[in-house]
Amino acid sequence: MPVQTTAAEIKMLGGSAMRALFTEMMPQFEKSSGHKVTIEYGTLGANMDRVMKGDAVDLVVVTSGQNERLQKESKLVAGSRAELAKVGYGVFYHASAAKPDLASVDGFKRTMLSAKSIALGDPAGGGPVGVYAAGLMQRLGLADGVKAKTKLYPSGTQVAQAVGKGENEVGIGLVSDVAVTPGLAAVPLPADIQNYTVYTLGIPASSKN
């Protein structure tokens, strides 16, 4: 006797930087599975906060470190960790502008200090790039020198869009944003200060499916 499956309505918290990937993937998944997926996009910090508070969602995108913490707090189903992507960081610039020289850490410092304006993710939002960039500026002694010309944005997507539109001269974000942001180009950070975000998918303990 054939097994009948019931189509489910799946509520998912997605990372803003994964919007392009999910936009391509989800229609295929819905067609093959019969399930309906509703995705709310936000920063990974906001996603983590919602799961910590027990919001009724079925899937959540967070960093690998956040996934580990949520499992320790019993906020994610034990063992629910699927790695989606590992993405490096880079300096954004407009595609029509000269390519920044990031062959060394000194080159990165010169680029930041000479830029007329800088777009960064607001570290208060908990996004991994914004948090890392804020710490990097402090560590390299750049924080005071760039503070007056830095604009903070709620998400990495908005950082990429601001540079792509020419609203800010440079920014720091995920190099993958170049593929989905008109007018944007990027150079990876020098190896000595490079960092990566590992995106994972987990199942909250509050899931109804």
Foldseek 3Di string as FASTA:
>chain_A
DDDDDDAEEAEEEEEPLCVVVCVVPVVVVCVVPVHHYDYDYAAQLVQLVCLVVLPAGFKYKHFPVSVVVCVVVQFFDPPFKDWDDKFKKWKKAFPVDDDQDQQDVVSVLVVQLPWQAEEAACVVLVHPRRVLVCVVCVVVVNCVSRVVRYDHDNHLLVRQQCRQVVVGGMYMDTQVSVVVHHRMHTDGHHPVSMDITTMIMTTTPSYPD
